[in-house]
PDB file of N, CA and C in Angstrom:
ATOM      1  N   MET A   1      56.897  23.858  -2.418  1.00  0.00           N
ATOM      2  CA  MET A   1      55.948  23.332  -3.375  1.00  0.00           C
ATOM      3  C   MET A   1      55.202  22.124  -2.792  1.00  0.00           C
ATOM      4  N   LEU A   2      55.968  21.246  -2.137  1.00  0.00           N
ATOM      5  CA  LEU A   2      55.366  20.067  -1.527  1.00  0.00           C
ATOM      6  C   LEU A   2      54.394  20.471  -0.419  1.00  0.00           C
ATOM      7  N   LEU A   3      54.725  21.466   0.344  1.00  0.00           N
ATOM      8  CA  LEU A   3      53.857  21.964   1.402  1.00  0.00           C
ATOM      9  C   LEU A   3      52.554  22.526   0.819  1.00  0.00           C
ATOM     10  N   LEU A   4      52.645  23.233  -0.299  1.00  0.00           N
ATOM     11  CA  LEU A   4      51.458  23.789  -0.959  1.00  0.00           C
ATOM     12  C   LEU A   4      50.542  22.670  -1.460  1.00  0.00           C
ATOM     13  N   LEU A   5      51.113  21.613  -2.028  1.00  0.00           N
ATOM     14  CA  LEU A   5      50.320  20.478  -2.493  1.00  0.00           C
ATOM     15  C   LEU A   5      49.656  19.754  -1.312  1.00  0.00           C
ATOM     16  N   LEU A   6      50.373  19.628  -0.225  1.00  0.00           N
ATOM     17  CA  LEU A   6      49.827  18.984   0.958  1.00  0.00           C
ATOM     18  C   LEU A   6      48.655  19.791   1.532  1.00  0.00           C
ATOM     19  N   VAL A   7      48.770  21.113   1.582  1.00  0.00           N
ATOM     20  CA  VAL A   7      47.685  21.972   2.053  1.00  0.00           C
ATOM     21  C   VAL A   7      46.473  21.853   1.129  1.00  0.00           C
ATOM     22  N   CYS A   8      46.693  21.820  -0.179  1.00  0.00           N
ATOM     23  CA  CYS A   8      45.580  21.657  -1.135  1.00  0.00           C
ATOM     24  C   CYS A   8      44.896  20.311  -0.943  1.00  0.00           C
ATOM     25  N   LEU A   9      45.686  19.254  -0.734  1.00  0.00           N
ATOM     26  CA  LEU A   9      45.127  17.925  -0.528  1.00  0.00           C
ATOM     27  C   LEU A   9      44.297  17.889   0.754  1.00  0.00           C
ATOM     28  N   ILE A  10      44.792  18.462   1.818  1.00  0.00           N
ATOM     29  CA  ILE A  10      44.046  18.507   3.086  1.00  0.00           C
ATOM     30  C   ILE A  10      42.764  19.325   2.911  1.00  0.00           C
ATOM     31  N   GLY A  11      42.838  20.423   2.209  1.00  0.00           N
ATOM     32  CA  GLY A  11      41.655  21.247   1.967  1.00  0.00           C
ATOM     33  C   GLY A  11      40.600  20.502   1.172  1.00  0.00           C
ATOM     34  N   LEU A  12      41.027  19.773   0.148  1.00  0.00           N
ATOM     35  CA  LEU A  12      40.075  19.006  -0.662  1.00  0.00           C
ATOM     36  C   LEU A  12      39.478  17.851   0.143  1.00  0.00           C
ATOM     37  N   GLN A  13      40.296  17.198   0.944  1.00  0.00           N
ATOM     38  CA  GLN A  13      39.790  16.114   1.780  1.00  0.00           C
ATOM     39  C   GLN A  13      38.784  16.645   2.807  1.00  0.00           C
ATOM     40  N   TYR A  14      39.043  17.797   3.358  1.00  0.00           N
ATOM     41  CA  TYR A  14      38.122  18.399   4.317  1.00  0.00           C
ATOM     42  C   TYR A  14      36.772  18.657   3.660  1.00  0.00           C
ATOM     43  N   ARG A  15      36.796  19.220   2.453  1.00  0.00           N
ATOM     44  CA  ARG A  15      35.532  19.491   1.750  1.00  0.00           C
ATOM     45  C   ARG A  15      34.806  18.201   1.411  1.00  0.00           C
ATOM     46  N   LEU A  16      35.593  17.158   1.069  1.00  0.00           N
ATOM     47  CA  LEU A  16      34.989  15.881   0.708  1.00  0.00           C
ATOM     48  C   LEU A  16      34.264  15.250   1.897  1.00  0.00           C
ATOM     49  N   TRP A  17      34.841  15.295   3.096  1.00  0.00           N
ATOM     50  CA  TRP A  17      34.289  14.634   4.258  1.00  0.00           C
ATOM     51  C   TRP A  17      33.383  15.514   5.114  1.00  0.00           C
ATOM     52  N   PHE A  18      33.688  16.810   5.197  1.00  0.00           N
ATOM     53  CA  PHE A  18      32.951  17.667   6.132  1.00  0.00           C
ATOM     54  C   PHE A  18      32.280  18.866   5.480  1.00  0.00           C
ATOM     55  N   GLY A  19      32.566  19.166   4.251  1.00  0.00           N
ATOM     56  CA  GLY A  19      32.041  20.365   3.614  1.00  0.00           C
ATOM     57  C   GLY A  19      30.620  20.183   3.113  1.00  0.00           C
ATOM     58  N   GLU A  20      30.196  21.140   2.338  1.00  0.00           N
ATOM     59  CA  GLU A  20      28.858  21.117   1.753  1.00  0.00           C
ATOM     60  C   GLU A  20      28.762  19.963   0.759  1.00  0.00           C
ATOM     61  N   ALA A  21      27.676  19.189   0.790  1.00  0.00           N
ATOM     62  CA  ALA A  21      27.460  18.016  -0.067  1.00  0.00           C
ATOM     63  C   ALA A  21      28.571  16.998   0.140  1.00  0.00           C
ATOM     64  N   ASN A  22      28.839  16.638   1.393  1.00  0.00           N
ATOM     65  CA  ASN A  22      29.890  15.668   1.689  1.00  0.00           C
ATOM     66  C   ASN A  22      29.409  14.254   1.405  1.00  0.00           C
ATOM     67  N   LEU A  23      30.269  13.286   1.602  1.00  0.00           N
ATOM     68  CA  LEU A  23      29.939  11.902   1.270  1.00  0.00           C
ATOM     69  C   LEU A  23      28.750  11.379   2.083  1.00  0.00           C
ATOM     70  N   GLY A  24      28.635  11.764   3.329  1.00  0.00           N
ATOM     71  CA  GLY A  24      27.493  11.328   4.148  1.00  0.00           C
ATOM     72  C   GLY A  24      26.176  11.852   3.604  1.00  0.00           C
ATOM     73  N   ASP A  25      26.169  13.098   3.165  1.00  0.00           N
ATOM     74  CA  ASP A  25      24.956  13.679   2.579  1.00  0.00           C
ATOM     75  C   ASP A  25      24.591  12.980   1.277  1.00  0.00           C
ATOM     76  N   VAL A  26      25.600  12.674   0.485  1.00  0.00           N
ATOM     77  CA  VAL A  26      25.355  12.001  -0.793  1.00  0.00           C
ATOM     78  C   VAL A  26      24.767  10.619  -0.560  1.00  0.00           C
ATOM     79  N   GLN A  27      25.311   9.893   0.411  1.00  0.00           N
ATOM     80  CA  GLN A  27      24.790   8.565   0.714  1.00  0.00           C
ATOM     81  C   GLN A  27      23.353   8.645   1.242  1.00  0.00           C
ATOM     82  N   ALA A  28      23.070   9.607   2.085  1.00  0.00           N
ATOM     83  CA  ALA A  28      21.710   9.780   2.608  1.00  0.00           C
ATOM     84  C   ALA A  28      20.739  10.108   1.481  1.00  0.00           C
ATOM     85  N   LEU A  29      21.161  10.933   0.548  1.00  0.00           N
ATOM     86  CA  LEU A  29      20.306  11.271  -0.595  1.00  0.00           C
ATOM     87  C   LEU A  29      20.075  10.062  -1.493  1.00  0.00           C
ATOM     88  N   GLN A  30      21.079   9.223  -1.661  1.00  0.00           N
ATOM     89  CA  GLN A  30      20.904   8.012  -2.471  1.00  0.00           C
ATOM     90  C   GLN A  30      19.898   7.072  -1.822  1.00  0.00           C
ATOM     91  N   GLN A  31      19.955   6.944  -0.504  1.00  0.00           N
ATOM     92  CA  GLN A  31      18.971   6.109   0.195  1.00  0.00           C
ATOM     93  C   GLN A  31      17.565   6.695   0.055  1.00  0.00           C
ATOM     94  N   GLU A  32      17.459   7.997   0.139  1.00  0.00           N
ATOM     95  CA  GLU A  32      16.156   8.656  -0.024  1.00  0.00           C
ATOM     96  C   GLU A  32      15.618   8.439  -1.436  1.00  0.00           C
ATOM     97  N   ILE A  33      16.503   8.476  -2.420  1.00  0.00           N
ATOM     98  CA  ILE A  33      16.094   8.235  -3.807  1.00  0.00           C
ATOM     99  C   ILE A  33      15.570   6.812  -3.961  1.00  0.00           C
ATOM    100  N   GLU A  34      16.260   5.840  -3.387  1.00  0.00           N
ATOM    101  CA  GLU A  34      15.810   4.451  -3.470  1.00  0.00           C
ATOM    102  C   GLU A  34      14.458   4.263  -2.785  1.00  0.00           C
ATOM    103  N   ARG A  35      14.279   4.892  -1.633  1.00  0.00           N
ATOM    104  CA  ARG A  35      12.994   4.804  -0.929  1.00  0.00           C
ATOM    105  C   ARG A  35      11.883   5.417  -1.767  1.00  0.00           C
ATOM    106  N   GLN A  36      12.171   6.555  -2.381  1.00  0.00           N
ATOM    107  CA  GLN A  36      11.172   7.229  -3.212  1.00  0.00           C
ATOM    108  C   GLN A  36      10.849   6.408  -4.458  1.00  0.00           C
ATOM    109  N   ARG A  37      11.854   5.748  -5.039  1.00  0.00           N
ATOM    110  CA  ARG A  37      11.601   4.886  -6.206  1.00  0.00           C
ATOM    111  C   ARG A  37      10.696   3.714  -5.841  1.00  0.00           C
ATOM    112  N   ALA A  38      10.942   3.118  -4.673  1.00  0.00           N
ATOM    113  CA  ALA A  38      10.096   2.005  -4.230  1.00  0.00           C
ATOM    114  C   ALA A  38       8.659   2.483  -4.016  1.00  0.00           C
ATOM    115  N   GLU A  39       8.503   3.653  -3.404  1.00  0.00           N
ATOM    116  CA  GLU A  39       7.164   4.210  -3.199  1.00  0.00           C
ATOM    117  C   GLU A  39       6.491   4.524  -4.534  1.00  0.00           C
ATOM    118  N   ASN A  40       7.261   5.049  -5.474  1.00  0.00           N
ATOM    119  CA  ASN A  40       6.716   5.348  -6.802  1.00  0.00           C
ATOM    120  C   ASN A  40       6.262   4.079  -7.512  1.00  0.00           C
ATOM    121  N   ASP A  41       7.032   2.986  -7.369  1.00  0.00           N
ATOM    122  CA  ASP A  41       6.637   1.720  -7.983  1.00  0.00           C
ATOM    123  C   ASP A  41       5.308   1.228  -7.414  1.00  0.00           C
ATOM    124  N   LEU A  42       5.134   1.357  -6.093  1.00  0.00           N
ATOM    125  CA  LEU A  42       3.861   0.959  -5.482  1.00  0.00           C
ATOM    126  C   LEU A  42       2.703   1.809  -6.013  1.00  0.00           C
ATOM    127  N   LEU A  43       2.954   3.103  -6.151  1.00  0.00           N
ATOM    128  CA  LEU A  43       1.899   3.990  -6.644  1.00  0.00           C
ATOM    129  C   LEU A  43       1.578   3.722  -8.110  1.00  0.00           C
ATOM    130  N   VAL A  44       2.593   3.390  -8.894  1.00  0.00           N
ATOM    131  CA  VAL A  44       2.353   3.052 -10.308  1.00  0.00           C
ATOM    132  C   VAL A  44       1.492   1.799 -10.393  1.00  0.00           C
ATOM    133  N   ASN A  45       1.803   0.790  -9.576  1.00  0.00           N
ATOM    134  CA  ASN A  45       0.993  -0.434  -9.574  1.00  0.00           C
ATOM    135  C   ASN A  45      -0.445  -0.134  -9.164  1.00  0.00           C
ATOM    136  N   ARG A  46      -0.614   0.700  -8.155  1.00  0.00           N
ATOM    137  CA  ARG A  46      -1.968   1.070  -7.723  1.00  0.00           C
ATOM    138  C   ARG A  46      -2.709   1.814  -8.833  1.00  0.00           C
ATOM    139  N   ASN A  47      -2.006   2.697  -9.524  1.00  0.00           N
ATOM    140  CA  ASN A  47      -2.633   3.433 -10.617  1.00  0.00           C
ATOM    141  C   ASN A  47      -3.057   2.495 -11.741  1.00  0.00           C
ATOM    142  N   HIS A  48      -2.238   1.470 -12.031  1.00  0.00           N
ATOM    143  CA  HIS A  48      -2.618   0.498 -13.058  1.00  0.00           C
ATOM    144  C   HIS A  48      -3.867  -0.267 -12.644  1.00  0.00           C
ATOM    145  N   GLN A  49      -3.945  -0.636 -11.359  1.00  0.00           N
ATOM    146  CA  GLN A  49      -5.129  -1.341 -10.880  1.00  0.00           C
ATOM    147  C   GLN A  49      -6.370  -0.462 -10.967  1.00  0.00           C
ATOM    148  N   LEU A  50      -6.228   0.795 -10.587  1.00  0.00           N
ATOM    149  CA  LEU A  50      -7.373   1.709 -10.658  1.00  0.00           C
ATOM    150  C   LEU A  50      -7.793   1.959 -12.103  1.00  0.00           C
ATOM    151  N   ASP A  51      -6.805   2.064 -12.994  1.00  0.00           N
ATOM    152  CA  ASP A  51      -7.107   2.262 -14.408  1.00  0.00           C
ATOM    153  C   ASP A  51      -7.866   1.062 -14.968  1.00  0.00           C
ATOM    154  N   ALA A  52      -7.432  -0.139 -14.598  1.00  0.00           N
ATOM    155  CA  ALA A  52      -8.127  -1.345 -15.056  1.00  0.00           C
ATOM    156  C   ALA A  52      -9.541  -1.391 -14.493  1.00  0.00           C
ATOM    157  N   GLU A  53      -9.709  -0.990 -13.256  1.00  0.00           N
ATOM    158  CA  GLU A  53     -11.044  -0.987 -12.650  1.00  0.00           C
ATOM    159  C   GLU A  53     -11.953   0.028 -13.329  1.00  0.00           C
ATOM    160  N   VAL A  54     -11.431   1.199 -13.665  1.00  0.00           N
ATOM    161  CA  VAL A  54     -12.229   2.216 -14.358  1.00  0.00           C
ATOM    162  C   VAL A  54     -12.653   1.701 -15.725  1.00  0.00           C
ATOM    163  N   LYS A  55     -11.723   1.086 -16.448  1.00  0.00           N
ATOM    164  CA  LYS A  55     -12.065   0.534 -17.770  1.00  0.00           C
ATOM    165  C   LYS A  55     -13.128  -0.543 -17.640  1.00  0.00           C
ATOM    166  N   ASP A  56     -12.990  -1.383 -16.618  1.00  0.00           N
ATOM    167  CA  ASP A  56     -13.961  -2.452 -16.393  1.00  0.00           C
ATOM    168  C   ASP A  56     -15.331  -1.882 -16.055  1.00  0.00           C
ATOM    169  N   LEU A  57     -15.368  -0.835 -15.235  1.00  0.00           N
ATOM    170  CA  LEU A  57     -16.646  -0.220 -14.882  1.00  0.00           C
ATOM    171  C   LEU A  57     -17.306   0.452 -16.088  1.00  0.00           C
ATOM    172  N   LYS A  58     -16.495   1.004 -16.983  1.00  0.00           N
ATOM    173  CA  LYS A  58     -17.047   1.660 -18.168  1.00  0.00           C
ATOM    174  C   LYS A  58     -17.574   0.659 -19.186  1.00  0.00           C
ATOM    175  N   GLN A  59     -16.973  -0.526 -19.246  1.00  0.00           N
ATOM    176  CA  GLN A  59     -17.320  -1.470 -20.304  1.00  0.00           C
ATOM    177  C   GLN A  59     -18.411  -2.466 -19.911  1.00  0.00           C
ATOM    178  N   GLY A  60     -18.407  -2.943 -18.683  1.00  0.00           N
ATOM    179  CA  GLY A  60     -19.348  -3.998 -18.336  1.00  0.00           C
ATOM    180  C   GLY A  60     -20.133  -3.697 -17.083  1.00  0.00           C
ATOM    181  N   LEU A  61     -21.273  -4.361 -16.990  1.00  0.00           N
ATOM    182  CA  LEU A  61     -22.131  -4.172 -15.830  1.00  0.00           C
ATOM    183  C   LEU A  61     -21.776  -5.120 -14.696  1.00  0.00           C
ATOM    184  N   GLU A  62     -20.974  -6.195 -14.981  1.00  0.00           N
ATOM    185  CA  GLU A  62     -20.647  -7.141 -13.927  1.00  0.00           C
ATOM    186  C   GLU A  62     -19.829  -6.476 -12.819  1.00  0.00           C
ATOM    187  N   ALA A  63     -18.869  -5.663 -13.192  1.00  0.00           N
ATOM    188  CA  ALA A  63     -18.041  -4.999 -12.181  1.00  0.00           C
ATOM    189  C   ALA A  63     -18.875  -4.018 -11.372  1.00  0.00           C
ATOM    190  N   LEU A  64     -19.782  -3.331 -12.036  1.00  0.00           N
ATOM    191  CA  LEU A  64     -20.659  -2.389 -11.333  1.00  0.00           C
ATOM    192  C   LEU A  64     -21.576  -3.133 -10.364  1.00  0.00           C
ATOM    193  N   GLU A  65     -22.097  -4.264 -10.814  1.00  0.00           N
ATOM    194  CA  GLU A  65     -22.961  -5.072  -9.952  1.00  0.00           C
ATOM    195  C   GLU A  65     -22.171  -5.629  -8.761  1.00  0.00           C
ATOM    196  N   GLU A  66     -20.958  -6.084  -9.001  1.00  0.00           N
ATOM    197  CA  GLU A  66     -20.122  -6.621  -7.917  1.00  0.00           C
ATOM    198  C   GLU A  66     -19.821  -5.549  -6.877  1.00  0.00           C
ATOM    199  N   ARG A  67     -19.510  -4.361  -7.354  1.00  0.00           N
ATOM    200  CA  ARG A  67     -19.218  -3.252  -6.435  1.00  0.00           C
ATOM    201  C   ARG A  67     -20.470  -2.907  -5.617  1.00  0.00           C
ATOM    202  N   ALA A  68     -21.638  -2.882  -6.254  1.00  0.00           N
ATOM    203  CA  ALA A  68     -22.877  -2.573  -5.542  1.00  0.00           C
ATOM    204  C   ALA A  68     -23.171  -3.632  -4.484  1.00  0.00           C
ATOM    205  N   ARG A  69     -22.901  -4.868  -4.805  1.00  0.00           N
ATOM    206  CA  ARG A  69     -23.152  -5.941  -3.842  1.00  0.00           C
ATOM    207  C   ARG A  69     -22.183  -5.872  -2.656  1.00  0.00           C
ATOM    208  N   ASN A  70     -20.908  -5.712  -2.943  1.00  0.00           N
ATOM    209  CA  ASN A  70     -19.899  -5.765  -1.882  1.00  0.00           C
ATOM    210  C   ASN A  70     -19.864  -4.506  -1.030  1.00  0.00           C
ATOM    211  N   GLN A  71     -19.929  -3.359  -1.652  1.00  0.00           N
ATOM    212  CA  GLN A  71     -19.743  -2.119  -0.900  1.00  0.00           C
ATOM    213  C   GLN A  71     -21.046  -1.518  -0.397  1.00  0.00           C
ATOM    214  N   LEU A  72     -22.132  -1.728  -1.114  1.00  0.00           N
ATOM    215  CA  LEU A  72     -23.392  -1.106  -0.731  1.00  0.00           C
ATOM    216  C   LEU A  72     -24.394  -2.106  -0.160  1.00  0.00           C
ATOM    217  N   GLY A  73     -24.059  -3.408  -0.224  1.00  0.00           N
ATOM    218  CA  GLY A  73     -24.948  -4.419   0.335  1.00  0.00           C
ATOM    219  C   GLY A  73     -26.229  -4.606  -0.460  1.00  0.00           C
ATOM    220  N   MET A  74     -26.216  -4.289  -1.730  1.00  0.00           N
ATOM    221  CA  MET A  74     -27.423  -4.405  -2.550  1.00  0.00           C
ATOM    222  C   MET A  74     -27.628  -5.848  -3.003  1.00  0.00           C
ATOM    223  N   ILE A  75     -28.884  -6.219  -3.209  1.00  0.00           N
ATOM    224  CA  ILE A  75     -29.222  -7.542  -3.711  1.00  0.00           C
ATOM    225  C   ILE A  75     -30.198  -7.379  -4.867  1.00  0.00           C
ATOM    226  N   LYS A  76     -30.254  -8.399  -5.714  1.00  0.00           N
ATOM    227  CA  LYS A  76     -31.179  -8.366  -6.849  1.00  0.00           C
ATOM    228  C   LYS A  76     -32.594  -8.685  -6.366  1.00  0.00           C
ATOM    229  N   GLU A  77     -33.539  -8.285  -7.150  1.00  0.00           N
ATOM    230  CA  GLU A  77     -34.928  -8.589  -6.843  1.00  0.00           C
ATOM    231  C   GLU A  77     -35.125 -10.101  -6.928  1.00  0.00           C
ATOM    232  N   GLY A  78     -35.767 -10.657  -5.914  1.00  0.00           N
ATOM    233  CA  GLY A  78     -36.014 -12.098  -5.891  1.00  0.00           C
ATOM    234  C   GLY A  78     -34.912 -12.887  -5.191  1.00  0.00           C
ATOM    235  N   GLU A  79     -33.822 -12.275  -4.838  1.00  0.00           N
ATOM    236  CA  GLU A  79     -32.741 -12.961  -4.133  1.00  0.00           C
ATOM    237  C   GLU A  79     -32.984 -12.913  -2.631  1.00  0.00           C
ATOM    238  N   SER A  80     -32.397 -13.865  -1.931  1.00  0.00           N
ATOM    239  CA  SER A  80     -32.437 -13.864  -0.468  1.00  0.00           C
ATOM    240  C   SER A  80     -31.033 -13.593   0.033  1.00  0.00           C
ATOM    241  N   PHE A  81     -30.946 -12.771   1.036  1.00  0.00           N
ATOM    242  CA  PHE A  81     -29.651 -12.401   1.611  1.00  0.00           C
ATOM    243  C   PHE A  81     -29.536 -13.050   2.984  1.00  0.00           C
ATOM    244  N   PHE A  82     -28.454 -13.807   3.185  1.00  0.00           N
ATOM    245  CA  PHE A  82     -28.198 -14.444   4.466  1.00  0.00           C
ATOM    246  C   PHE A  82     -26.878 -13.907   4.996  1.00  0.00           C
ATOM    247  N   GLN A  83     -26.896 -13.473   6.240  1.00  0.00           N
ATOM    248  CA  GLN A  83     -25.669 -12.996   6.870  1.00  0.00           C
ATOM    249  C   GLN A  83     -25.345 -13.928   8.016  1.00  0.00           C
ATOM    250  N   LEU A  84     -24.161 -14.519   7.977  1.00  0.00           N
ATOM    251  CA  LEU A  84     -23.726 -15.432   9.022  1.00  0.00           C
ATOM    252  C   LEU A  84     -22.870 -14.655  10.003  1.00  0.00           C
ATOM    253  N   VAL A  85     -23.279 -14.703  11.258  1.00  0.00           N
ATOM    254  CA  VAL A  85     -22.566 -13.985  12.311  1.00  0.00           C
ATOM    255  C   VAL A  85     -21.875 -15.016  13.177  1.00  0.00           C
ATOM    256  N   PRO A  86     -20.543 -14.923  13.358  1.00  0.00           N
ATOM    257  CA  PRO A  86     -19.852 -15.910  14.194  1.00  0.00           C
ATOM    258  C   PRO A  86     -20.247 -15.753  15.657  1.00  0.00           C
ATOM    259  N   ALA A  87     -20.268 -16.884  16.358  1.00  0.00           N
ATOM    260  CA  ALA A  87     -20.625 -16.870  17.774  1.00  0.00           C
ATOM    261  C   ALA A  87     -19.515 -16.200  18.573  1.00  0.00           C
ATOM    262  N   LEU A  88     -19.897 -15.551  19.647  1.00  0.00           N
ATOM    263  CA  LEU A  88     -18.915 -14.928  20.522  1.00  0.00           C
ATOM    264  C   LEU A  88     -18.157 -16.004  21.278  1.00  0.00           C
ATOM    265  N   PRO A  89     -16.862 -15.798  21.549  1.00  0.00           N
ATOM    266  CA  PRO A  89     -16.090 -16.808  22.277  1.00  0.00           C
ATOM    267  C   PRO A  89     -16.654 -16.995  23.692  1.00  0.00           C
ATOM    268  N   GLY A  90     -16.788 -18.240  24.096  1.00  0.00           N
ATOM    269  CA  GLY A  90     -17.271 -18.538  25.440  1.00  0.00           C
ATOM    270  C   GLY A  90     -18.779 -18.535  25.572  1.00  0.00           C
ATOM    271  N   LYS A  91     -19.494 -18.214  24.513  1.00  0.00           N
ATOM    272  CA  LYS A  91     -20.958 -18.170  24.549  1.00  0.00           C
ATOM    273  C   LYS A  91     -21.487 -19.307  23.674  1.00  0.00           C
ATOM    274  N   PRO A  92     -22.445 -20.100  24.172  1.00  0.00           N
ATOM    275  CA  PRO A  92     -22.967 -21.204  23.357  1.00  0.00           C
ATOM    276  C   PRO A  92     -23.736 -20.643  22.160  1.00  0.00           C
ATOM    277  N   PRO A  93     -23.753 -21.391  21.058  1.00  0.00           N
ATOM    278  CA  PRO A  93     -24.493 -20.912  19.876  1.00  0.00           C
ATOM    279  C   PRO A  93     -25.977 -20.749  20.194  1.00  0.00           C
ATOM    280  N   ALA A  94     -26.598 -19.797  19.505  1.00  0.00           N
ATOM    281  CA  ALA A  94     -28.018 -19.499  19.724  1.00  0.00           C
ATOM    282  C   ALA A  94     -28.849 -20.676  19.234  1.00  0.00           C
ATOM    283  N   ASP A  95     -30.010 -20.856  19.881  1.00  0.00           N
ATOM    284  CA  ASP A  95     -30.931 -21.929  19.496  1.00  0.00           C
ATOM    285  C   ASP A  95     -31.469 -21.629  18.108  1.00  0.00           C
ATOM    286  N   SER A  96     -31.494 -22.638  17.267  1.00  0.00           N
ATOM    287  CA  SER A  96     -31.943 -22.423  15.886  1.00  0.00           C
ATOM    288  C   SER A  96     -33.453 -22.458  15.745  1.00  0.00           C
ATOM    289  N   GLY A  97     -34.181 -22.653  16.838  1.00  0.00           N
ATOM    290  CA  GLY A  97     -35.637 -22.661  16.760  1.00  0.00           C
ATOM    291  C   GLY A  97     -36.205 -24.051  16.699  1.00  0.00           C
ATOM    292  N   GLN A  98     -35.367 -25.059  16.546  1.00  0.00           N
ATOM    293  CA  GLN A  98     -35.842 -26.436  16.512  1.00  0.00           C
ATOM    294  C   GLN A  98     -35.735 -27.027  17.910  1.00  0.00           C
ATOM    295  N   SER A  99     -36.751 -27.751  18.315  1.00  0.00           N
ATOM    296  CA  SER A  99     -36.699 -28.375  19.644  1.00  0.00           C
ATOM    297  C   SER A  99     -35.920 -29.677  19.547  1.00  0.00           C
ATOM    298  N   ARG A 100     -35.275 -30.029  20.608  1.00  0.00           N
ATOM    299  CA  ARG A 100     -34.438 -31.225  20.623  1.00  0.00           C
ATOM    300  C   ARG A 100     -35.008 -32.252  21.604  1.00  0.00           C
ATOM    301  N   ASN A 101     -36.131 -32.755  21.303  1.00  0.00           N
ATOM    302  CA  ASN A 101     -36.728 -33.774  22.171  1.00  0.00           C
ATOM    303  C   ASN A 101     -36.268 -35.138  21.713  1.00  0.00           C
ATOM    304  N   PRO A 102     -35.723 -35.947  22.649  1.00  0.00           N
ATOM    305  CA  PRO A 102     -35.267 -37.292  22.249  1.00  0.00           C
ATOM    306  C   PRO A 102     -36.369 -38.273  22.090  1.00  0.00           C
TER     307      PRO A 102
END
């Protein structure tokens, strides 16, 4: 009887450690679940931001105007657009058109 119980215990331990759905597989799946939950949280936050942006675009013209200015480079009639370009490293700044006579 004791031998039969020992064989059953060894068989169950074998399945627990090396069989189908063993402890290593379960732990790997738990890590995958946590990774997927973190990714889902990021996507939920992004969806909330997009939803707020859609509502803002539907309700007001300020968001639409801001998007047109930033993404399409549009300006209002009568406005002046100035683009500042940084100087290249090692190159002196371009002459501004003013003479420098002392």
